[in-house]
Amino acid sequence: MKSVNKRKNKDIRKQAEFQEYVQFIALPSIAKQNIYGCITDLEFAKKYNLNKSTLSEWKKIDGFFDLVKNAVLERLKCRLPEVLDGIIASAREGNPQNAKLFLQYVMGWDKKSEESEGSLSELSDDELQEKRKEVESIVCERGLPSMLISAEEAAEFEMKVEEIVAKERKKKVN
């Protein structure tokens, strides 16, 4: 007899319901209610004429939560422009974490590269200017100004980044 944990989702008899359940689990409660008319596993089971134990068994299948994660990521891709707009707006208002987050997104920065390169405040003026050119190049290459921010907003954002760098340098000197 096969162990439930060793089952693959292709072995599931009710594939359509299984796939629907993956999508259901990937949603926040309000979306579950709006789309499926139910929120709990028990309600889902009743709606699709399943036993609640079937849903519990499905959750034990190897890779089940990877399927849920992929469904969440697919759904969230549609929200990316709104999220980026929020990050940019917050960065323009002087939020240094969101300025950094935006630069990480645009530049593909990660913690490892940041540690090896040091913080912005440790850069010389020439190195800082080079970083700005690099950001400009990537932003233009990816077409981000036309998609996300106007040229005026980009200039305003750059001024905010310069203010943040100046503050970091001032802290370092003091």
N, C-alpha and C. Protein backbone atom coordinates (compact mmCIF):
# COMPACT_ATOMS: atom_id res chain seq x y z
N MET A 1 0.84 -1.19 0.00
CA MET A 1 0.00 0.00 0.00
C MET A 1 0.88 1.25 0.00
N LYS A 2 0.55 2.20 -0.87
CA LYS A 2 1.32 3.43 -0.98
C LYS A 2 1.10 4.32 0.24
N SER A 3 2.18 4.94 0.69
CA SER A 3 2.06 5.95 1.74
C SER A 3 1.51 7.21 1.09
N VAL A 4 0.65 7.90 1.81
CA VAL A 4 0.05 9.13 1.27
C VAL A 4 1.14 10.13 0.91
N ASN A 5 2.18 10.22 1.72
CA ASN A 5 3.25 11.19 1.47
C ASN A 5 4.01 10.88 0.18
N LYS A 6 3.95 9.65 -0.28
CA LYS A 6 4.66 9.27 -1.50
C LYS A 6 3.79 9.45 -2.75
N ARG A 7 2.52 9.75 -2.53
CA ARG A 7 1.63 9.92 -3.69
C ARG A 7 2.01 11.16 -4.47
N LYS A 8 1.78 11.10 -5.72
CA LYS A 8 1.98 12.25 -6.61
C LYS A 8 0.61 12.78 -6.99
N ASN A 9 0.54 14.03 -7.34
CA ASN A 9 -0.78 14.58 -7.66
C ASN A 9 -1.37 13.94 -8.91
N LYS A 10 -0.56 13.31 -9.75
CA LYS A 10 -1.12 12.63 -10.94
C LYS A 10 -1.89 11.38 -10.55
N ASP A 11 -1.66 10.85 -9.32
CA ASP A 11 -2.37 9.66 -8.85
C ASP A 11 -3.75 9.99 -8.29
N ILE A 12 -4.11 11.23 -8.24
CA ILE A 12 -5.37 11.66 -7.65
C ILE A 12 -6.51 11.37 -8.62
N ARG A 13 -7.58 10.79 -8.09
CA ARG A 13 -8.72 10.44 -8.94
C ARG A 13 -9.51 11.67 -9.38
N LYS A 14 -9.68 12.61 -8.49
CA LYS A 14 -10.49 13.80 -8.80
C LYS A 14 -9.54 14.97 -9.08
N GLN A 15 -8.90 14.89 -10.23
CA GLN A 15 -7.88 15.89 -10.61
C GLN A 15 -8.45 17.30 -10.67
N ALA A 16 -9.62 17.46 -11.26
CA ALA A 16 -10.21 18.80 -11.41
C ALA A 16 -10.46 19.42 -10.03
N GLU A 17 -11.00 18.63 -9.11
CA GLU A 17 -11.26 19.13 -7.77
C GLU A 17 -9.95 19.43 -7.03
N PHE A 18 -8.96 18.57 -7.24
CA PHE A 18 -7.65 18.79 -6.62
C PHE A 18 -7.05 20.11 -7.09
N GLN A 19 -7.06 20.35 -8.39
CA GLN A 19 -6.52 21.59 -8.94
C GLN A 19 -7.30 22.80 -8.43
N GLU A 20 -8.60 22.63 -8.32
CA GLU A 20 -9.45 23.71 -7.80
C GLU A 20 -9.12 23.98 -6.33
N TYR A 21 -8.85 22.92 -5.58
CA TYR A 21 -8.50 23.07 -4.17
C TYR A 21 -7.16 23.79 -4.01
N VAL A 22 -6.21 23.50 -4.87
CA VAL A 22 -4.92 24.20 -4.84
C VAL A 22 -5.17 25.70 -5.03
N GLN A 23 -5.99 26.05 -6.00
CA GLN A 23 -6.30 27.46 -6.24
C GLN A 23 -7.02 28.07 -5.05
N PHE A 24 -7.93 27.31 -4.44
CA PHE A 24 -8.68 27.76 -3.28
C PHE A 24 -7.74 28.08 -2.11
N ILE A 25 -6.83 27.17 -1.82
CA ILE A 25 -5.89 27.35 -0.71
C ILE A 25 -4.99 28.56 -0.93
N ALA A 26 -4.71 28.87 -2.18
CA ALA A 26 -3.79 29.97 -2.51
C ALA A 26 -4.41 31.35 -2.33
N LEU A 27 -5.69 31.40 -2.04
CA LEU A 27 -6.38 32.69 -1.95
C LEU A 27 -6.56 33.17 -0.52
N PRO A 28 -6.60 34.50 -0.31
CA PRO A 28 -6.98 35.03 1.00
C PRO A 28 -8.49 34.79 1.20
N SER A 29 -8.93 34.83 2.44
CA SER A 29 -10.32 34.50 2.78
C SER A 29 -11.36 35.29 1.98
N ILE A 30 -11.15 36.58 1.84
CA ILE A 30 -12.15 37.40 1.13
C ILE A 30 -12.28 36.97 -0.33
N ALA A 31 -11.16 36.62 -0.95
CA ALA A 31 -11.21 36.15 -2.34
C ALA A 31 -11.85 34.77 -2.41
N LYS A 32 -11.58 33.91 -1.42
CA LYS A 32 -12.23 32.58 -1.38
C LYS A 32 -13.75 32.76 -1.36
N GLN A 33 -14.20 33.68 -0.50
CA GLN A 33 -15.64 33.93 -0.39
C GLN A 33 -16.21 34.46 -1.70
N ASN A 34 -15.52 35.42 -2.31
CA ASN A 34 -16.01 36.02 -3.56
C ASN A 34 -16.01 35.03 -4.72
N ILE A 35 -14.99 34.20 -4.81
CA ILE A 35 -14.85 33.30 -5.96
C ILE A 35 -15.58 31.98 -5.75
N TYR A 36 -15.43 31.41 -4.57
CA TYR A 36 -15.97 30.07 -4.31
C TYR A 36 -17.25 30.07 -3.47
N GLY A 37 -17.54 31.20 -2.83
CA GLY A 37 -18.71 31.24 -1.97
C GLY A 37 -18.51 30.50 -0.67
N CYS A 38 -17.27 30.24 -0.31
CA CYS A 38 -16.96 29.56 0.94
C CYS A 38 -15.55 29.95 1.38
N ILE A 39 -15.26 29.70 2.67
CA ILE A 39 -13.96 30.08 3.21
C ILE A 39 -13.20 28.89 3.79
N THR A 40 -13.92 27.98 4.43
CA THR A 40 -13.27 26.87 5.14
C THR A 40 -13.13 25.63 4.27
N ASP A 41 -12.25 24.75 4.70
CA ASP A 41 -12.09 23.46 4.01
C ASP A 41 -13.40 22.68 4.02
N LEU A 42 -14.09 22.70 5.14
CA LEU A 42 -15.35 21.96 5.26
C LEU A 42 -16.37 22.46 4.24
N GLU A 43 -16.47 23.77 4.11
CA GLU A 43 -17.39 24.35 3.12
C GLU A 43 -16.99 23.97 1.70
N PHE A 44 -15.68 24.01 1.43
CA PHE A 44 -15.18 23.63 0.11
C PHE A 44 -15.52 22.16 -0.17
N ALA A 45 -15.28 21.31 0.82
CA ALA A 45 -15.56 19.88 0.65
C ALA A 45 -17.03 19.65 0.34
N LYS A 46 -17.93 20.33 1.06
CA LYS A 46 -19.37 20.18 0.80
C LYS A 46 -19.72 20.65 -0.60
N LYS A 47 -19.17 21.79 -0.99
CA LYS A 47 -19.49 22.36 -2.30
C LYS A 47 -19.07 21.43 -3.44
N TYR A 48 -17.93 20.75 -3.28
CA TYR A 48 -17.41 19.88 -4.34
C TYR A 48 -17.68 18.40 -4.07
N ASN A 49 -18.56 18.14 -3.11
CA ASN A 49 -18.95 16.77 -2.80
C ASN A 49 -17.74 15.88 -2.47
N LEU A 50 -16.91 16.38 -1.57
CA LEU A 50 -15.71 15.67 -1.13
C LEU A 50 -15.78 15.46 0.38
N ASN A 51 -15.02 14.49 0.86
CA ASN A 51 -14.86 14.33 2.30
C ASN A 51 -13.79 15.30 2.76
N LYS A 52 -13.97 15.85 3.96
CA LYS A 52 -12.94 16.74 4.50
C LYS A 52 -11.61 16.00 4.63
N SER A 53 -11.68 14.70 4.92
CA SER A 53 -10.44 13.90 5.04
C SER A 53 -9.69 13.84 3.71
N THR A 54 -10.41 13.92 2.60
CA THR A 54 -9.75 13.94 1.29
C THR A 54 -8.87 15.17 1.17
N LEU A 55 -9.38 16.31 1.62
CA LEU A 55 -8.59 17.55 1.57
C LEU A 55 -7.36 17.44 2.46
N SER A 56 -7.53 16.84 3.62
CA SER A 56 -6.39 16.63 4.53
C SER A 56 -5.35 15.73 3.88
N GLU A 57 -5.80 14.70 3.19
CA GLU A 57 -4.87 13.79 2.51
C GLU A 57 -4.15 14.51 1.37
N TRP A 58 -4.87 15.35 0.64
CA TRP A 58 -4.25 16.10 -0.45
C TRP A 58 -3.14 16.99 0.07
N LYS A 59 -3.35 17.58 1.24
CA LYS A 59 -2.33 18.46 1.82
C LYS A 59 -1.05 17.71 2.16
N LYS A 60 -1.14 16.40 2.34
CA LYS A 60 0.02 15.59 2.70
C LYS A 60 0.82 15.13 1.48
N ILE A 61 0.29 15.34 0.31
CA ILE A 61 0.96 14.90 -0.91
C ILE A 61 2.24 15.71 -1.12
N ASP A 62 3.32 15.00 -1.45
CA ASP A 62 4.58 15.68 -1.74
C ASP A 62 4.36 16.73 -2.82
N GLY A 63 4.81 17.94 -2.54
CA GLY A 63 4.72 19.02 -3.52
C GLY A 63 3.42 19.80 -3.50
N PHE A 64 2.46 19.41 -2.62
CA PHE A 64 1.18 20.12 -2.59
C PHE A 64 1.39 21.61 -2.33
N PHE A 65 2.17 21.93 -1.32
CA PHE A 65 2.33 23.34 -0.97
C PHE A 65 3.23 24.08 -1.95
N ASP A 66 4.02 23.35 -2.72
CA ASP A 66 4.74 23.99 -3.82
C ASP A 66 3.75 24.44 -4.90
N LEU A 67 2.74 23.60 -5.15
CA LEU A 67 1.69 23.97 -6.12
C LEU A 67 0.92 25.19 -5.62
N VAL A 68 0.64 25.23 -4.31
CA VAL A 68 -0.07 26.37 -3.73
C VAL A 68 0.79 27.63 -3.87
N LYS A 69 2.08 27.51 -3.54
CA LYS A 69 2.99 28.66 -3.65
C LYS A 69 3.03 29.18 -5.09
N ASN A 70 3.11 28.28 -6.06
CA ASN A 70 3.14 28.70 -7.46
C ASN A 70 1.85 29.40 -7.85
N ALA A 71 0.72 28.92 -7.33
CA ALA A 71 -0.56 29.56 -7.62
C ALA A 71 -0.60 30.97 -7.03
N VAL A 72 -0.07 31.12 -5.82
CA VAL A 72 -0.01 32.44 -5.18
C VAL A 72 0.86 33.37 -6.02
N LEU A 73 2.03 32.90 -6.42
CA LEU A 73 2.95 33.73 -7.20
C LEU A 73 2.34 34.15 -8.53
N GLU A 74 1.65 33.25 -9.19
CA GLU A 74 0.99 33.59 -10.46
C GLU A 74 -0.05 34.68 -10.25
N ARG A 75 -0.82 34.55 -9.17
CA ARG A 75 -1.86 35.55 -8.88
C ARG A 75 -1.24 36.90 -8.56
N LEU A 76 -0.12 36.88 -7.84
CA LEU A 76 0.50 38.14 -7.41
C LEU A 76 1.22 38.86 -8.54
N LYS A 77 1.60 38.14 -9.59
CA LYS A 77 2.27 38.81 -10.72
C LYS A 77 1.41 39.92 -11.28
N CYS A 78 0.11 39.73 -11.26
CA CYS A 78 -0.81 40.74 -11.78
C CYS A 78 -0.80 42.01 -10.92
N ARG A 79 -0.39 41.88 -9.67
CA ARG A 79 -0.38 43.01 -8.75
C ARG A 79 0.94 43.77 -8.76
N LEU A 80 1.94 43.27 -9.46
CA LEU A 80 3.28 43.86 -9.43
C LEU A 80 3.29 45.35 -9.75
N PRO A 81 2.63 45.82 -10.81
CA PRO A 81 2.66 47.26 -11.08
C PRO A 81 2.12 48.11 -9.92
N GLU A 82 1.04 47.65 -9.28
CA GLU A 82 0.48 48.39 -8.15
C GLU A 82 1.47 48.43 -6.98
N VAL A 83 2.11 47.29 -6.72
CA VAL A 83 3.07 47.22 -5.62
C VAL A 83 4.25 48.15 -5.90
N LEU A 84 4.76 48.11 -7.13
CA LEU A 84 5.88 48.97 -7.49
C LEU A 84 5.50 50.44 -7.39
N ASP A 85 4.28 50.77 -7.80
CA ASP A 85 3.81 52.16 -7.66
C ASP A 85 3.83 52.58 -6.20
N GLY A 86 3.39 51.71 -5.31
CA GLY A 86 3.39 52.01 -3.88
C GLY A 86 4.80 52.17 -3.34
N ILE A 87 5.71 51.31 -3.77
CA ILE A 87 7.10 51.40 -3.33
C ILE A 87 7.72 52.71 -3.80
N ILE A 88 7.47 53.05 -5.06
CA ILE A 88 8.02 54.28 -5.62
C ILE A 88 7.46 55.50 -4.90
N ALA A 89 6.16 55.51 -4.66
CA ALA A 89 5.54 56.64 -3.96
C ALA A 89 6.14 56.80 -2.56
N SER A 90 6.31 55.69 -1.88
CA SER A 90 6.88 55.73 -0.53
C SER A 90 8.34 56.18 -0.57
N ALA A 91 9.08 55.71 -1.57
CA ALA A 91 10.49 56.10 -1.71
C ALA A 91 10.59 57.60 -1.99
N ARG A 92 9.68 58.13 -2.83
CA ARG A 92 9.68 59.56 -3.12
C ARG A 92 9.40 60.39 -1.89
N GLU A 93 8.65 59.81 -0.96
CA GLU A 93 8.34 60.52 0.29
C GLU A 93 9.48 60.42 1.29
N GLY A 94 10.56 59.73 0.90
CA GLY A 94 11.75 59.66 1.74
C GLY A 94 11.93 58.37 2.52
N ASN A 95 11.15 57.35 2.23
CA ASN A 95 11.30 56.08 2.93
C ASN A 95 12.55 55.36 2.41
N PRO A 96 13.63 55.30 3.21
CA PRO A 96 14.87 54.71 2.71
C PRO A 96 14.76 53.20 2.43
N GLN A 97 13.92 52.50 3.20
CA GLN A 97 13.77 51.06 2.93
C GLN A 97 13.14 50.82 1.56
N ASN A 98 12.16 51.63 1.20
CA ASN A 98 11.53 51.45 -0.10
C ASN A 98 12.40 51.96 -1.24
N ALA A 99 13.23 52.97 -0.97
CA ALA A 99 14.20 53.40 -1.99
C ALA A 99 15.16 52.25 -2.26
N LYS A 100 15.63 51.62 -1.20
CA LYS A 100 16.54 50.48 -1.34
C LYS A 100 15.84 49.32 -2.05
N LEU A 101 14.60 49.05 -1.65
CA LEU A 101 13.84 47.96 -2.27
C LEU A 101 13.66 48.19 -3.76
N PHE A 102 13.34 49.43 -4.13
CA PHE A 102 13.19 49.76 -5.55
C PHE A 102 14.50 49.52 -6.30
N LEU A 103 15.60 50.00 -5.72
CA LEU A 103 16.89 49.80 -6.36
C LEU A 103 17.25 48.32 -6.45
N GLN A 104 16.90 47.56 -5.43
CA GLN A 104 17.15 46.13 -5.48
C GLN A 104 16.37 45.50 -6.61
N TYR A 105 15.13 45.92 -6.78
CA TYR A 105 14.31 45.37 -7.86
C TYR A 105 14.87 45.75 -9.22
N VAL A 106 15.17 47.02 -9.38
CA VAL A 106 15.66 47.52 -10.67
C VAL A 106 17.05 46.98 -10.99
N MET A 107 17.93 46.97 -9.99
CA MET A 107 19.32 46.59 -10.21
C MET A 107 19.56 45.09 -10.01
N GLY A 108 18.59 44.40 -9.45
CA GLY A 108 18.79 43.00 -9.15
C GLY A 108 19.75 42.81 -7.99
N TRP A 109 19.85 43.83 -7.13
CA TRP A 109 20.75 43.73 -5.97
C TRP A 109 20.24 42.67 -5.02
N ASP A 110 21.15 42.01 -4.34
CA ASP A 110 20.78 41.12 -3.26
C ASP A 110 21.71 41.38 -2.08
N LYS A 111 21.42 40.76 -0.96
CA LYS A 111 22.19 41.00 0.26
C LYS A 111 23.67 40.68 0.05
N LYS A 112 23.95 39.60 -0.65
CA LYS A 112 25.33 39.17 -0.86
C LYS A 112 26.11 40.23 -1.66
N SER A 113 25.52 40.73 -2.75
CA SER A 113 26.23 41.73 -3.56
C SER A 113 26.38 43.03 -2.79
N GLU A 114 25.36 43.35 -1.97
CA GLU A 114 25.41 44.57 -1.18
C GLU A 114 26.55 44.49 -0.16
N GLU A 115 26.71 43.33 0.48
CA GLU A 115 27.77 43.16 1.47
C GLU A 115 29.14 43.25 0.82
N SER A 116 29.26 42.68 -0.39
CA SER A 116 30.57 42.71 -1.05
C SER A 116 30.90 44.10 -1.58
N GLU A 117 29.87 44.87 -1.95
CA GLU A 117 30.11 46.21 -2.49
C GLU A 117 30.13 47.28 -1.41
N GLY A 118 29.58 46.99 -0.24
CA GLY A 118 29.48 47.98 0.82
C GLY A 118 28.24 48.83 0.63
N SER A 119 27.95 49.66 1.61
CA SER A 119 26.75 50.49 1.52
C SER A 119 27.02 51.71 0.65
N LEU A 120 25.96 52.37 0.24
CA LEU A 120 26.10 53.56 -0.61
C LEU A 120 26.93 54.64 0.08
N SER A 121 26.80 54.74 1.39
CA SER A 121 27.53 55.79 2.10
C SER A 121 29.04 55.57 2.08
N GLU A 122 29.48 54.35 1.81
CA GLU A 122 30.91 54.05 1.77
C GLU A 122 31.52 54.30 0.40
N LEU A 123 30.69 54.63 -0.59
CA LEU A 123 31.19 54.84 -1.94
C LEU A 123 31.77 56.23 -2.10
N SER A 124 32.80 56.32 -2.94
CA SER A 124 33.33 57.65 -3.27
C SER A 124 32.33 58.34 -4.19
N ASP A 125 32.52 59.63 -4.42
CA ASP A 125 31.61 60.36 -5.31
C ASP A 125 31.63 59.76 -6.72
N ASP A 126 32.83 59.38 -7.19
CA ASP A 126 32.92 58.76 -8.52
C ASP A 126 32.18 57.43 -8.57
N GLU A 127 32.34 56.61 -7.51
CA GLU A 127 31.65 55.32 -7.47
C GLU A 127 30.14 55.52 -7.38
N LEU A 128 29.72 56.51 -6.62
CA LEU A 128 28.30 56.81 -6.50
C LEU A 128 27.73 57.27 -7.85
N GLN A 129 28.49 58.11 -8.54
CA GLN A 129 28.05 58.56 -9.86
C GLN A 129 27.94 57.38 -10.83
N GLU A 130 28.87 56.45 -10.73
CA GLU A 130 28.85 55.25 -11.57
C GLU A 130 27.60 54.40 -11.27
N LYS A 131 27.26 54.28 -9.98
CA LYS A 131 26.05 53.54 -9.59
C LYS A 131 24.80 54.22 -10.16
N ARG A 132 24.77 55.55 -10.09
CA ARG A 132 23.62 56.28 -10.64
C ARG A 132 23.47 56.01 -12.13
N LYS A 133 24.59 56.04 -12.85
CA LYS A 133 24.55 55.77 -14.30
C LYS A 133 24.07 54.35 -14.56
N GLU A 134 24.53 53.42 -13.71
CA GLU A 134 24.11 52.02 -13.85
C GLU A 134 22.60 51.90 -13.64
N VAL A 135 22.07 52.58 -12.62
CA VAL A 135 20.63 52.55 -12.35
C VAL A 135 19.88 53.16 -13.53
N GLU A 136 20.33 54.33 -13.99
CA GLU A 136 19.69 54.99 -15.13
C GLU A 136 19.66 54.08 -16.34
N SER A 137 20.78 53.44 -16.61
CA SER A 137 20.88 52.55 -17.76
C SER A 137 19.88 51.40 -17.67
N ILE A 138 19.81 50.79 -16.49
CA ILE A 138 18.90 49.66 -16.31
C ILE A 138 17.45 50.12 -16.37
N VAL A 139 17.15 51.25 -15.75
CA VAL A 139 15.78 51.77 -15.77
C VAL A 139 15.36 52.05 -17.21
N CYS A 140 16.23 52.69 -17.99
CA CYS A 140 15.90 53.00 -19.38
C CYS A 140 15.81 51.72 -20.23
N GLU A 141 16.75 50.80 -19.99
CA GLU A 141 16.79 49.55 -20.74
C GLU A 141 15.50 48.74 -20.54
N ARG A 142 15.00 48.74 -19.31
CA ARG A 142 13.80 47.96 -19.01
C ARG A 142 12.53 48.76 -19.29
N GLY A 143 12.66 50.00 -19.68
CA GLY A 143 11.49 50.81 -19.97
C GLY A 143 10.68 51.18 -18.74
N LEU A 144 11.32 51.17 -17.59
CA LEU A 144 10.58 51.43 -16.35
C LEU A 144 10.00 52.84 -16.26
N PRO A 145 10.69 53.89 -16.72
CA PRO A 145 10.07 55.20 -16.57
C PRO A 145 8.71 55.30 -17.24
N SER A 146 8.61 54.75 -18.45
CA SER A 146 7.33 54.84 -19.14
C SER A 146 6.27 53.95 -18.51
N MET A 147 6.71 52.84 -17.89
CA MET A 147 5.76 51.94 -17.27
C MET A 147 5.36 52.38 -15.87
N LEU A 148 6.32 52.90 -15.13
CA LEU A 148 6.09 53.12 -13.71
C LEU A 148 6.11 54.56 -13.27
N ILE A 149 7.05 55.35 -13.78
CA ILE A 149 7.19 56.72 -13.31
C ILE A 149 7.52 57.63 -14.47
N SER A 150 7.12 58.88 -14.32
CA SER A 150 7.43 59.87 -15.35
C SER A 150 8.89 60.31 -15.18
N ALA A 151 9.41 61.04 -16.15
CA ALA A 151 10.77 61.56 -16.05
C ALA A 151 10.89 62.49 -14.86
N GLU A 152 9.85 63.28 -14.62
CA GLU A 152 9.84 64.19 -13.48
C GLU A 152 9.90 63.41 -12.16
N GLU A 153 9.12 62.34 -12.09
CA GLU A 153 9.14 61.49 -10.89
C GLU A 153 10.49 60.79 -10.73
N ALA A 154 11.09 60.39 -11.85
CA ALA A 154 12.41 59.74 -11.78
C ALA A 154 13.45 60.71 -11.23
N ALA A 155 13.40 61.97 -11.69
CA ALA A 155 14.34 62.97 -11.19
C ALA A 155 14.10 63.23 -9.70
N GLU A 156 12.83 63.28 -9.31
CA GLU A 156 12.48 63.48 -7.90
C GLU A 156 12.98 62.30 -7.07
N PHE A 157 12.82 61.10 -7.60
CA PHE A 157 13.29 59.90 -6.90
C PHE A 157 14.81 59.95 -6.73
N GLU A 158 15.51 60.34 -7.78
CA GLU A 158 16.97 60.43 -7.71
C GLU A 158 17.39 61.44 -6.63
N MET A 159 16.66 62.56 -6.54
CA MET A 159 16.98 63.55 -5.51
C MET A 159 16.80 62.96 -4.12
N LYS A 160 15.75 62.15 -3.94
CA LYS A 160 15.52 61.51 -2.65
C LYS A 160 16.66 60.54 -2.33
N VAL A 161 17.09 59.78 -3.32
CA VAL A 161 18.21 58.85 -3.11
C VAL A 161 19.45 59.63 -2.70
N GLU A 162 19.70 60.77 -3.39
CA GLU A 162 20.86 61.61 -3.04
C GLU A 162 20.75 62.12 -1.61
N GLU A 163 19.54 62.50 -1.19
CA GLU A 163 19.33 62.97 0.19
C GLU A 163 19.64 61.86 1.18
N ILE A 164 19.20 60.67 0.89
CA ILE A 164 19.43 59.52 1.77
C ILE A 164 20.93 59.25 1.88
N VAL A 165 21.62 59.27 0.74
CA VAL A 165 23.07 59.02 0.74
C VAL A 165 23.78 60.11 1.54
N ALA A 166 23.36 61.36 1.36
CA ALA A 166 23.97 62.46 2.10
C ALA A 166 23.77 62.28 3.60
N LYS A 167 22.57 61.86 4.01
CA LYS A 167 22.29 61.63 5.42
C LYS A 167 23.17 60.50 5.96
N GLU A 168 23.32 59.43 5.18
CA GLU A 168 24.17 58.31 5.60
C GLU A 168 25.62 58.76 5.77
N ARG A 169 26.09 59.57 4.82
CA ARG A 169 27.46 60.06 4.91
C ARG A 169 27.65 60.95 6.14
N LYS A 170 26.64 61.79 6.40
CA LYS A 170 26.71 62.69 7.56
C LYS A 170 26.78 61.88 8.86
N LYS A 171 25.97 60.82 8.94
CA LYS A 171 25.98 59.94 10.11
C LYS A 171 27.35 59.31 10.29
N LYS A 172 27.95 58.91 9.18
CA LYS A 172 29.26 58.24 9.22
C LYS A 172 30.34 59.20 9.71
N VAL A 173 30.26 60.46 9.29
CA VAL A 173 31.26 61.46 9.71
C VAL A 173 31.10 61.77 11.19
N ASN A 174 29.85 61.86 11.65
CA ASN A 174 29.58 62.19 13.07
C ASN A 174 29.81 61.00 13.89
